Amino acid sequence: MEKDAVKLTRQIAATMAMENMALSESEYDVLLRCAAGEQSITLTIQEMIARYTEH
């Protein structure tokens, strides 16, 4: 894993935590894969929409 991707993911997670919106481990992993270029942003957005709109 690239150090830049890990650093960016940690910064985003810290920002989210400061806003009282801590990321779950699975959300952190998805964000890390996206930052590292292992998963497309489009796919990530689609997964998040599906996850949070399921009933």
PDB file of N, CA and C in Angstrom:
ATOM      1  N   MET A   1       0.848  -1.172   0.000  1.00  0.00           N
ATOM      2  CA  MET A   1       0.000   0.000   0.000  1.00  0.00           C
ATOM      3  C   MET A   1       0.897   1.240   0.000  1.00  0.00           C
ATOM      4  N   GLU A   2       0.552   2.201  -0.808  1.00  0.00           N
ATOM      5  CA  GLU A   2       1.331   3.427  -0.884  1.00  0.00           C
ATOM      6  C   GLU A   2       1.177   4.259   0.385  1.00  0.00           C
ATOM      7  N   LYS A   3       2.290   4.850   0.803  1.00  0.00           N
ATOM      8  CA  LYS A   3       2.254   5.677   2.012  1.00  0.00           C
ATOM      9  C   LYS A   3       1.321   6.863   1.850  1.00  0.00           C
ATOM     10  N   ASP A   4       1.273   7.437   0.632  1.00  0.00           N
ATOM     11  CA  ASP A   4       0.398   8.581   0.392  1.00  0.00           C
ATOM     12  C   ASP A   4      -1.069   8.214   0.579  1.00  0.00           C
ATOM     13  N   ALA A   5      -1.455   7.026   0.121  1.00  0.00           N
ATOM     14  CA  ALA A   5      -2.844   6.581   0.258  1.00  0.00           C
ATOM     15  C   ALA A   5      -3.197   6.395   1.726  1.00  0.00           C
ATOM     16  N   VAL A   6      -2.284   5.815   2.485  1.00  0.00           N
ATOM     17  CA  VAL A   6      -2.516   5.606   3.922  1.00  0.00           C
ATOM     18  C   VAL A   6      -2.614   6.955   4.634  1.00  0.00           C
ATOM     19  N   LYS A   7      -1.707   7.862   4.302  1.00  0.00           N
ATOM     20  CA  LYS A   7      -1.715   9.189   4.933  1.00  0.00           C
ATOM     21  C   LYS A   7      -3.022   9.924   4.620  1.00  0.00           C
ATOM     22  N   LEU A   8      -3.439   9.914   3.358  1.00  0.00           N
ATOM     23  CA  LEU A   8      -4.676  10.580   2.967  1.00  0.00           C
ATOM     24  C   LEU A   8      -5.876   9.976   3.688  1.00  0.00           C
ATOM     25  N   THR A   9      -5.920   8.656   3.757  1.00  0.00           N
ATOM     26  CA  THR A   9      -7.033   7.978   4.417  1.00  0.00           C
ATOM     27  C   THR A   9      -7.071   8.322   5.898  1.00  0.00           C
ATOM     28  N   ARG A  10      -5.931   8.365   6.542  1.00  0.00           N
ATOM     29  CA  ARG A  10      -5.886   8.743   7.962  1.00  0.00           C
ATOM     30  C   ARG A  10      -6.357  10.175   8.170  1.00  0.00           C
ATOM     31  N   GLN A  11      -5.967  11.072   7.267  1.00  0.00           N
ATOM     32  CA  GLN A  11      -6.385  12.466   7.380  1.00  0.00           C
ATOM     33  C   GLN A  11      -7.906  12.595   7.225  1.00  0.00           C
ATOM     34  N   ILE A  12      -8.453  11.874   6.259  1.00  0.00           N
ATOM     35  CA  ILE A  12      -9.909  11.915   6.060  1.00  0.00           C
ATOM     36  C   ILE A  12     -10.626  11.344   7.275  1.00  0.00           C
ATOM     37  N   ALA A  13     -10.128  10.219   7.786  1.00  0.00           N
ATOM     38  CA  ALA A  13     -10.744   9.596   8.964  1.00  0.00           C
ATOM     39  C   ALA A  13     -10.692  10.542  10.163  1.00  0.00           C
ATOM     40  N   ALA A  14      -9.585  11.251  10.327  1.00  0.00           N
ATOM     41  CA  ALA A  14      -9.453  12.194  11.440  1.00  0.00           C
ATOM     42  C   ALA A  14     -10.434  13.354  11.287  1.00  0.00           C
ATOM     43  N   THR A  15     -10.565  13.854  10.081  1.00  0.00           N
ATOM     44  CA  THR A  15     -11.504  14.940   9.824  1.00  0.00           C
ATOM     45  C   THR A  15     -12.934  14.494  10.107  1.00  0.00           C
ATOM     46  N   MET A  16     -13.273  13.302   9.658  1.00  0.00           N
ATOM     47  CA  MET A  16     -14.612  12.773   9.905  1.00  0.00           C
ATOM     48  C   MET A  16     -14.850  12.613  11.405  1.00  0.00           C
ATOM     49  N   ALA A  17     -13.857  12.117  12.131  1.00  0.00           N
ATOM     50  CA  ALA A  17     -13.985  11.925  13.582  1.00  0.00           C
ATOM     51  C   ALA A  17     -14.189  13.262  14.291  1.00  0.00           C
ATOM     52  N   MET A  18     -13.495  14.310  13.830  1.00  0.00           N
ATOM     53  CA  MET A  18     -13.663  15.637  14.443  1.00  0.00           C
ATOM     54  C   MET A  18     -15.084  16.152  14.249  1.00  0.00           C
ATOM     55  N   GLU A  19     -15.735  15.700  13.199  1.00  0.00           N
ATOM     56  CA  GLU A  19     -17.126  16.096  12.929  1.00  0.00           C
ATOM     57  C   GLU A  19     -18.111  15.121  13.565  1.00  0.00           C
ATOM     58  N   ASN A  20     -17.604  14.263  14.459  1.00  0.00           N
ATOM     59  CA  ASN A  20     -18.417  13.259  15.154  1.00  0.00           C
ATOM     60  C   ASN A  20     -19.048  12.260  14.181  1.00  0.00           C
ATOM     61  N   MET A  21     -18.273  11.922  13.152  1.00  0.00           N
ATOM     62  CA  MET A  21     -18.734  10.980  12.133  1.00  0.00           C
ATOM     63  C   MET A  21     -17.635   9.934  11.904  1.00  0.00           C
ATOM     64  N   ALA A  22     -17.289   9.221  12.943  1.00  0.00           N
ATOM     65  CA  ALA A  22     -16.204   8.245  12.859  1.00  0.00           C
ATOM     66  C   ALA A  22     -16.527   7.164  11.826  1.00  0.00           C
ATOM     67  N   LEU A  23     -15.514   6.774  11.076  1.00  0.00           N
ATOM     68  CA  LEU A  23     -15.678   5.729  10.067  1.00  0.00           C
ATOM     69  C   LEU A  23     -15.601   4.356  10.716  1.00  0.00           C
ATOM     70  N   SER A  24     -16.415   3.450  10.226  1.00  0.00           N
ATOM     71  CA  SER A  24     -16.293   2.063  10.668  1.00  0.00           C
ATOM     72  C   SER A  24     -15.064   1.461   9.984  1.00  0.00           C
ATOM     73  N   GLU A  25     -14.657   0.312  10.452  1.00  0.00           N
ATOM     74  CA  GLU A  25     -13.485  -0.347   9.861  1.00  0.00           C
ATOM     75  C   GLU A  25     -13.722  -0.647   8.380  1.00  0.00           C
ATOM     76  N   SER A  26     -14.921  -1.099   8.041  1.00  0.00           N
ATOM     77  CA  SER A  26     -15.205  -1.416   6.634  1.00  0.00           C
ATOM     78  C   SER A  26     -15.220  -0.152   5.776  1.00  0.00           C
ATOM     79  N   GLU A  27     -15.736   0.952   6.302  1.00  0.00           N
ATOM     80  CA  GLU A  27     -15.719   2.216   5.565  1.00  0.00           C
ATOM     81  C   GLU A  27     -14.288   2.703   5.365  1.00  0.00           C
ATOM     82  N   TYR A  28     -13.476   2.556   6.394  1.00  0.00           N
ATOM     83  CA  TYR A  28     -12.066   2.939   6.304  1.00  0.00           C
ATOM     84  C   TYR A  28     -11.362   2.111   5.222  1.00  0.00           C
ATOM     85  N   ASP A  29     -11.631   0.816   5.191  1.00  0.00           N
ATOM     86  CA  ASP A  29     -11.012  -0.069   4.201  1.00  0.00           C
ATOM     87  C   ASP A  29     -11.405   0.315   2.777  1.00  0.00           C
ATOM     88  N   VAL A  30     -12.677   0.640   2.570  1.00  0.00           N
ATOM     89  CA  VAL A  30     -13.142   1.058   1.246  1.00  0.00           C
ATOM     90  C   VAL A  30     -12.435   2.349   0.838  1.00  0.00           C
ATOM     91  N   LEU A  31     -12.357   3.296   1.750  1.00  0.00           N
ATOM     92  CA  LEU A  31     -11.693   4.561   1.483  1.00  0.00           C
ATOM     93  C   LEU A  31     -10.217   4.344   1.154  1.00  0.00           C
ATOM     94  N   LEU A  32      -9.571   3.472   1.878  1.00  0.00           N
ATOM     95  CA  LEU A  32      -8.159   3.176   1.640  1.00  0.00           C
ATOM     96  C   LEU A  32      -7.951   2.552   0.260  1.00  0.00           C
ATOM     97  N   ARG A  33      -8.812   1.609  -0.109  1.00  0.00           N
ATOM     98  CA  ARG A  33      -8.704   0.989  -1.440  1.00  0.00           C
ATOM     99  C   ARG A  33      -8.915   2.023  -2.539  1.00  0.00           C
ATOM    100  N   CYS A  34      -9.834   2.929  -2.323  1.00  0.00           N
ATOM    101  CA  CYS A  34     -10.107   3.982  -3.294  1.00  0.00           C
ATOM    102  C   CYS A  34      -8.901   4.924  -3.406  1.00  0.00           C
ATOM    103  N   ALA A  35      -8.351   5.333  -2.282  1.00  0.00           N
ATOM    104  CA  ALA A  35      -7.200   6.238  -2.273  1.00  0.00           C
ATOM    105  C   ALA A  35      -5.973   5.602  -2.913  1.00  0.00           C
ATOM    106  N   ALA A  36      -5.864   4.291  -2.807  1.00  0.00           N
ATOM    107  CA  ALA A  36      -4.719   3.576  -3.372  1.00  0.00           C
ATOM    108  C   ALA A  36      -4.921   3.242  -4.852  1.00  0.00           C
ATOM    109  N   GLY A  37      -6.110   3.548  -5.377  1.00  0.00           N
ATOM    110  CA  GLY A  37      -6.378   3.265  -6.775  1.00  0.00           C
ATOM    111  C   GLY A  37      -6.780   1.830  -7.044  1.00  0.00           C
ATOM    112  N   GLU A  38      -7.097   1.093  -5.997  1.00  0.00           N
ATOM    113  CA  GLU A  38      -7.487  -0.310  -6.143  1.00  0.00           C
ATOM    114  C   GLU A  38      -8.974  -0.457  -6.432  1.00  0.00           C
ATOM    115  N   GLN A  39      -9.727   0.598  -6.225  1.00  0.00           N
ATOM    116  CA  GLN A  39     -11.167   0.578  -6.469  1.00  0.00           C
ATOM    117  C   GLN A  39     -11.542   1.943  -7.020  1.00  0.00           C
ATOM    118  N   SER A  40     -12.405   1.970  -8.031  1.00  0.00           N
ATOM    119  CA  SER A  40     -12.785   3.239  -8.640  1.00  0.00           C
ATOM    120  C   SER A  40     -13.694   4.044  -7.719  1.00  0.00           C
ATOM    121  N   ILE A  41     -13.642   5.336  -7.891  1.00  0.00           N
ATOM    122  CA  ILE A  41     -14.495   6.219  -7.110  1.00  0.00           C
ATOM    123  C   ILE A  41     -15.956   5.950  -7.436  1.00  0.00           C
ATOM    124  N   THR A  42     -16.247   5.719  -8.699  1.00  0.00           N
ATOM    125  CA  THR A  42     -17.623   5.453  -9.119  1.00  0.00           C
ATOM    126  C   THR A  42     -18.172   4.214  -8.422  1.00  0.00           C
ATOM    127  N   LEU A  43     -17.389   3.146  -8.402  1.00  0.00           N
ATOM    128  CA  LEU A  43     -17.828   1.923  -7.731  1.00  0.00           C
ATOM    129  C   LEU A  43     -18.011   2.169  -6.237  1.00  0.00           C
ATOM    130  N   THR A  44     -17.117   2.909  -5.646  1.00  0.00           N
ATOM    131  CA  THR A  44     -17.205   3.220  -4.220  1.00  0.00           C
ATOM    132  C   THR A  44     -18.498   3.979  -3.912  1.00  0.00           C
ATOM    133  N   ILE A  45     -18.817   4.978  -4.721  1.00  0.00           N
ATOM    134  CA  ILE A  45     -20.042   5.748  -4.518  1.00  0.00           C
ATOM    135  C   ILE A  45     -21.262   4.856  -4.662  1.00  0.00           C
ATOM    136  N   GLN A  46     -21.269   3.999  -5.683  1.00  0.00           N
ATOM    137  CA  GLN A  46     -22.396   3.087  -5.876  1.00  0.00           C
ATOM    138  C   GLN A  46     -22.584   2.160  -4.683  1.00  0.00           C
ATOM    139  N   GLU A  47     -21.473   1.635  -4.133  1.00  0.00           N
ATOM    140  CA  GLU A  47     -21.551   0.757  -2.967  1.00  0.00           C
ATOM    141  C   GLU A  47     -22.105   1.488  -1.751  1.00  0.00           C
ATOM    142  N   MET A  48     -21.662   2.720  -1.539  1.00  0.00           N
ATOM    143  CA  MET A  48     -22.127   3.499  -0.383  1.00  0.00           C
ATOM    144  C   MET A  48     -23.618   3.820  -0.516  1.00  0.00           C
ATOM    145  N   ILE A  49     -24.042   4.202  -1.711  1.00  0.00           N
ATOM    146  CA  ILE A  49     -25.462   4.501  -1.914  1.00  0.00           C
ATOM    147  C   ILE A  49     -26.291   3.252  -1.637  1.00  0.00           C
ATOM    148  N   ALA A  50     -25.855   2.116  -2.170  1.00  0.00           N
ATOM    149  CA  ALA A  50     -26.590   0.861  -1.948  1.00  0.00           C
ATOM    150  C   ALA A  50     -26.627   0.514  -0.467  1.00  0.00           C
ATOM    151  N   ARG A  51     -25.523   0.664   0.220  1.00  0.00           N
ATOM    152  CA  ARG A  51     -25.446   0.308   1.641  1.00  0.00           C
ATOM    153  C   ARG A  51     -26.370   1.160   2.500  1.00  0.00           C
ATOM    154  N   TYR A  52     -26.410   2.444   2.220  1.00  0.00           N
ATOM    155  CA  TYR A  52     -27.152   3.347   3.102  1.00  0.00           C
ATOM    156  C   TYR A  52     -28.581   3.611   2.651  1.00  0.00           C
ATOM    157  N   THR A  53     -28.988   3.045   1.529  1.00  0.00           N
ATOM    158  CA  THR A  53     -30.379   3.223   1.102  1.00  0.00           C
ATOM    159  C   THR A  53     -31.159   1.912   1.134  1.00  0.00           C
ATOM    160  N   GLU A  54     -30.531   0.808   1.561  1.00  0.00           N
ATOM    161  CA  GLU A  54     -31.233  -0.454   1.671  1.00  0.00           C
ATOM    162  C   GLU A  54     -32.246  -0.378   2.810  1.00  0.00           C
ATOM    163  N   HIS A  55     -33.358  -1.051   2.617  1.00  0.00           N
ATOM    164  CA  HIS A  55     -34.374  -1.075   3.676  1.00  0.00           C
ATOM    165  C   HIS A  55     -34.589  -2.464   4.147  1.00  0.00           C
TER     166      HIS A  55
END
